[in-house]
N, C-alpha and C. Protein backbone atom coordinates (compact mmCIF):
# COMPACT_ATOMS: atom_id res chain seq x y z
N GLY A 1 85.42 93.04 79.54
CA GLY A 1 85.39 91.70 80.18
C GLY A 1 86.33 91.54 81.22
N ASP A 2 85.98 90.42 82.11
CA ASP A 2 87.35 90.15 82.94
C ASP A 2 88.08 89.18 82.45
N THR A 3 89.46 89.56 82.60
CA THR A 3 90.26 88.61 82.01
C THR A 3 90.75 87.80 83.06
N ILE A 4 90.87 86.29 82.72
CA ILE A 4 91.00 85.36 83.89
C ILE A 4 92.46 84.60 83.07
N ILE A 5 93.17 84.54 84.12
CA ILE A 5 94.43 83.74 83.52
C ILE A 5 94.51 82.64 84.06
N GLU A 6 94.67 81.44 83.63
CA GLU A 6 94.99 80.17 84.42
C GLU A 6 96.31 80.02 84.37
N VAL A 7 96.45 79.62 85.90
CA VAL A 7 97.98 79.62 86.38
C VAL A 7 98.16 78.08 87.09
N SER A 8 99.28 77.48 86.66
CA SER A 8 99.56 76.42 87.06
C SER A 8 99.51 76.45 88.57
N GLN A 9 99.06 75.25 88.86
CA GLN A 9 99.05 75.09 90.46
C GLN A 9 100.63 75.18 91.18
N LEU A 10 101.49 74.56 90.21
CA LEU A 10 102.94 74.59 90.74
C LEU A 10 103.56 76.02 90.89
N ALA A 11 102.88 76.90 90.00
CA ALA A 11 103.55 78.37 90.08
C ALA A 11 103.68 78.86 91.75
N SER A 12 104.79 79.47 91.87
CA SER A 12 105.01 80.04 93.27
C SER A 12 104.47 81.34 93.31
N PRO A 13 103.81 81.99 94.49
CA PRO A 13 103.24 83.18 94.55
C PRO A 13 104.21 84.04 93.88
N SER A 14 105.37 84.23 94.19
CA SER A 14 106.45 85.36 93.66
C SER A 14 106.76 85.39 91.95
N SER A 15 106.57 83.85 91.60
CA SER A 15 106.37 83.80 90.56
C SER A 15 105.46 84.39 89.53
N ILE A 16 104.12 84.21 90.21
CA ILE A 16 103.02 84.52 89.41
C ILE A 16 103.08 86.45 89.67
N ALA A 17 103.33 86.77 90.71
CA ALA A 17 103.49 88.71 90.79
C ALA A 17 104.79 88.83 89.85
N ASN A 18 105.60 88.20 89.60
CA ASN A 18 106.73 88.61 88.76
C ASN A 18 105.96 88.97 87.07
N LEU A 19 105.37 87.50 86.81
CA LEU A 19 104.45 87.80 85.52
C LEU A 19 103.60 88.95 85.55
N ALA A 20 102.90 88.88 86.59
CA ALA A 20 101.96 90.51 86.67
C ALA A 20 102.72 92.09 86.70
N MET A 21 103.81 91.95 87.01
CA MET A 21 104.46 93.04 87.02
C MET A 21 104.98 93.18 85.55
N ILE A 22 105.29 92.22 84.69
CA ILE A 22 105.54 92.40 83.24
C ILE A 22 104.41 92.91 82.64
N TYR A 23 102.86 92.20 82.75
CA TYR A 23 101.91 92.59 82.27
C TYR A 23 101.45 93.74 82.55
N SER A 24 102.01 94.33 83.82
CA SER A 24 101.41 95.85 84.20
C SER A 24 102.47 96.65 83.27
N SER A 25 103.43 96.32 83.12
CA SER A 25 104.65 97.37 82.50
C SER A 25 104.07 97.23 81.16
N THR A 26 103.73 96.38 80.82
CA THR A 26 103.15 96.40 79.10
C THR A 26 101.85 97.02 78.95
N GLU A 27 101.05 97.52 79.98
CA GLU A 27 99.91 98.20 79.82
C GLU A 27 98.70 96.94 79.67
N GLU A 28 99.04 95.65 80.00
CA GLU A 28 98.04 94.72 80.05
C GLU A 28 97.62 94.76 81.52
N ARG A 29 96.71 95.69 81.80
CA ARG A 29 96.58 96.02 83.33
C ARG A 29 95.37 94.53 83.73
N GLU A 30 94.33 94.28 82.91
CA GLU A 30 93.69 93.36 83.26
C GLU A 30 94.32 91.91 83.29
N LYS A 31 94.93 91.58 82.85
CA LYS A 31 95.90 90.35 82.75
C LYS A 31 96.72 90.67 84.68
N ALA A 32 97.39 91.62 84.64
CA ALA A 32 97.85 92.10 85.59
C ALA A 32 97.37 91.96 86.98
N LEU A 33 95.92 92.44 86.93
CA LEU A 33 95.24 92.37 88.02
C LEU A 33 94.91 90.81 88.33
N SER A 34 94.39 90.16 87.16
CA SER A 34 94.23 88.68 87.64
C SER A 34 95.16 87.86 88.17
N LEU A 35 96.64 88.27 87.85
CA LEU A 35 97.73 87.43 88.36
C LEU A 35 98.37 88.01 89.88
N TYR A 36 97.72 89.68 90.25
CA TYR A 36 97.98 89.64 91.25
C TYR A 36 97.14 89.22 92.28
N GLY A 37 95.82 88.84 92.02
CA GLY A 37 94.80 88.66 92.91
C GLY A 37 94.97 87.06 92.92
N ALA A 38 95.87 86.41 91.81
CA ALA A 38 96.31 85.13 92.14
C ALA A 38 97.27 84.82 93.13
N ALA A 39 98.29 85.31 93.15
CA ALA A 39 99.43 85.71 94.06
C ALA A 39 98.96 85.75 95.23
N ALA A 40 98.18 87.07 95.64
CA ALA A 40 97.80 86.92 96.54
C ALA A 40 96.99 85.96 97.35
N GLY A 41 96.10 85.28 96.34
CA GLY A 41 95.32 84.14 97.19
C GLY A 41 96.02 82.92 97.33
N ARG A 42 97.32 82.81 96.78
CA ARG A 42 98.16 81.50 97.20
C ARG A 42 99.40 81.78 98.20
N THR A 43 99.19 82.96 98.95
CA THR A 43 100.13 83.01 100.06
C THR A 43 99.67 82.88 101.42
N ASN A 44 100.19 82.64 101.91
CA ASN A 44 100.03 82.68 103.49
C ASN A 44 100.79 83.95 104.40
N ASP A 45 101.79 84.38 103.56
CA ASP A 45 102.37 85.68 104.31
C ASP A 45 101.78 87.03 104.36
N PRO A 46 101.30 87.41 105.47
CA PRO A 46 100.43 88.65 105.06
C PRO A 46 101.56 90.02 104.74
N LEU A 47 102.66 89.85 104.78
CA LEU A 47 103.40 90.96 103.97
C LEU A 47 103.41 90.91 102.44
N PHE A 48 103.59 89.79 102.03
CA PHE A 48 103.53 89.52 100.79
C PHE A 48 101.82 89.83 100.03
N LYS A 49 100.99 89.44 100.50
CA LYS A 49 99.66 89.80 100.49
C LYS A 49 99.41 91.14 100.23
N ALA A 50 99.90 91.92 101.23
CA ALA A 50 99.75 93.39 101.13
C ALA A 50 100.26 93.79 100.09
N GLN A 51 101.46 93.55 99.69
CA GLN A 51 102.03 94.25 98.68
C GLN A 51 101.48 93.71 97.41
N MET A 52 100.67 92.73 97.37
CA MET A 52 100.16 92.33 96.01
C MET A 52 98.74 93.33 95.84
N LEU A 53 98.11 93.56 96.84
CA LEU A 53 97.07 94.52 97.32
C LEU A 53 97.46 96.16 96.93
N TYR A 54 98.71 96.41 97.13
CA TYR A 54 98.93 97.52 96.94
C TYR A 54 99.32 97.76 95.26
N ARG A 55 99.67 96.44 94.64
CA ARG A 55 100.16 96.87 93.30
C ARG A 55 98.76 96.74 92.88
N THR A 56 97.88 95.93 93.22
CA THR A 56 96.65 96.16 92.53
C THR A 56 95.93 97.40 92.61
N ALA A 57 95.95 98.16 94.16
CA ALA A 57 95.59 99.53 94.21
C ALA A 57 95.92 100.30 93.05
N CYS A 58 97.62 99.99 92.90
CA CYS A 58 98.11 101.22 91.86
C CYS A 58 97.74 101.17 90.67
N ILE A 59 97.13 99.98 89.86
CA ILE A 59 96.39 99.72 88.81
C ILE A 59 95.10 100.14 88.91
N GLN A 60 94.33 99.89 90.01
CA GLN A 60 93.18 100.42 89.90
C GLN A 60 93.12 101.99 90.09
N ARG A 61 93.84 102.66 90.55
CA ARG A 61 94.03 104.13 90.80
C ARG A 61 94.61 104.68 89.28
N ASP A 62 95.16 103.81 88.56
CA ASP A 62 95.64 104.09 86.98
C ASP A 62 94.48 104.05 86.16
N THR A 63 93.38 103.41 86.28
CA THR A 63 92.41 102.94 85.45
C THR A 63 91.25 103.85 86.41
N ASP A 64 91.50 104.80 86.81
CA ASP A 64 90.23 105.52 87.51
C ASP A 64 89.30 104.96 88.30
N ASP A 65 89.87 103.59 89.03
CA ASP A 65 88.78 102.89 89.68
C ASP A 65 89.32 103.01 91.47
N SER A 66 89.38 104.31 91.75
CA SER A 66 89.47 105.02 92.95
C SER A 66 88.40 104.07 94.42
N LYS A 67 87.56 103.96 93.94
CA LYS A 67 86.57 102.82 94.88
C LYS A 67 87.51 101.54 95.53
N ASN A 68 87.73 100.81 94.16
CA ASN A 68 88.36 99.80 94.75
C ASN A 68 89.95 99.76 94.98
N ALA A 69 90.50 100.89 94.62
CA ALA A 69 91.66 101.05 94.83
C ALA A 69 92.13 101.25 96.35
N ILE A 70 91.06 102.18 97.11
CA ILE A 70 91.05 102.36 98.49
C ILE A 70 90.47 101.11 99.26
N LEU A 71 89.58 100.14 98.68
CA LEU A 71 89.24 99.06 99.45
C LEU A 71 90.55 98.00 99.66
N SER A 72 91.29 97.77 98.28
CA SER A 72 92.55 97.37 98.09
C SER A 72 93.64 97.78 99.29
N LEU A 73 93.61 98.84 99.40
CA LEU A 73 94.84 99.45 100.38
C LEU A 73 94.18 99.48 102.00
N GLU A 74 92.70 99.62 101.88
CA GLU A 74 92.62 99.36 103.40
C GLU A 74 92.72 97.91 103.89
N TYR A 75 92.50 96.86 102.71
CA TYR A 75 92.63 95.37 103.23
C TYR A 75 94.51 95.36 103.23
N ALA A 76 95.05 95.96 102.64
CA ALA A 76 96.71 95.97 102.61
C ALA A 76 96.64 96.33 104.07
N LEU A 77 96.49 97.19 104.35
CA LEU A 77 97.11 98.15 105.60
C LEU A 77 96.24 97.06 106.73
N SER A 78 95.40 96.46 106.64
CA SER A 78 95.04 95.59 107.47
C SER A 78 95.94 94.41 108.02
N LEU A 79 96.89 94.07 107.24
CA LEU A 79 97.47 93.01 107.18
C LEU A 79 98.88 93.32 107.40
N ASN A 80 99.30 94.80 107.16
CA ASN A 80 100.54 95.21 107.19
C ASN A 80 100.35 96.89 107.63
N PRO A 81 99.94 97.12 108.84
CA PRO A 81 99.51 98.36 109.21
C PRO A 81 100.81 99.47 109.10
N ALA A 82 102.31 98.85 109.17
CA ALA A 82 103.56 99.65 108.80
C ALA A 82 103.50 99.80 107.58
N TYR A 83 102.71 99.51 106.39
CA TYR A 83 103.07 99.81 105.04
C TYR A 83 102.56 100.98 104.52
N ALA A 84 104.01 101.99 104.70
CA ALA A 84 103.92 103.57 104.61
C ALA A 84 103.57 103.81 103.14
N ASP A 85 104.00 102.96 101.93
CA ASP A 85 103.49 103.28 100.87
C ASP A 85 101.86 103.22 100.37
N ALA A 86 101.38 101.94 101.08
CA ALA A 86 99.74 102.16 101.09
C ALA A 86 99.16 103.02 101.75
N ARG A 87 99.68 103.46 103.00
CA ARG A 87 99.15 104.39 103.61
C ARG A 87 99.36 105.53 103.05
N LEU A 88 100.31 106.05 102.43
CA LEU A 88 100.61 107.43 101.72
C LEU A 88 99.61 107.44 100.46
N LEU A 89 99.26 106.25 99.63
CA LEU A 89 98.54 106.37 98.28
C LEU A 89 96.99 106.41 99.19
N LEU A 90 96.73 105.53 100.11
CA LEU A 90 95.29 105.63 100.56
C LEU A 90 95.03 106.95 100.87
N ARG A 91 95.80 107.93 101.51
CA ARG A 91 95.90 109.33 102.13
C ARG A 91 95.77 109.95 100.91
N GLN A 92 96.32 109.98 99.70
CA GLN A 92 96.05 110.79 98.43
C GLN A 92 94.68 110.49 97.57
N LEU A 93 94.17 109.04 97.82
CA LEU A 93 92.95 108.88 97.11
C LEU A 93 91.82 109.34 97.95
N THR A 94 91.87 109.33 99.38
CA THR A 94 90.61 109.79 100.05
C THR A 94 90.75 111.28 100.17
N SER A 95 92.08 112.01 99.86
CA SER A 95 92.00 113.40 99.91
C SER A 95 91.30 114.39 98.59
N GLN A 96 91.01 113.44 97.77
CA GLN A 96 90.92 114.12 96.30
C GLN A 96 89.19 114.55 96.15
């Protein structure tokens, strides 16, 4: 099932992203995905949002969800066309 994490309205996007990174490193990927989505939704900074989408795509790739990883990467690149890591991962996923 989908994991939803309640996040205080006072939490900054960068704080949420840090917590997501911790969850991701402990293999709690569903929580990490939920938090990256929350962080992306709370920011008006397109570069930060692109970074959250890239991190989301990395987890999606690791869980064999290439279709959604590609969508996340395409969105990230629409926000930051110069995002080399996102472009590289997208190229790897679409060449499989």
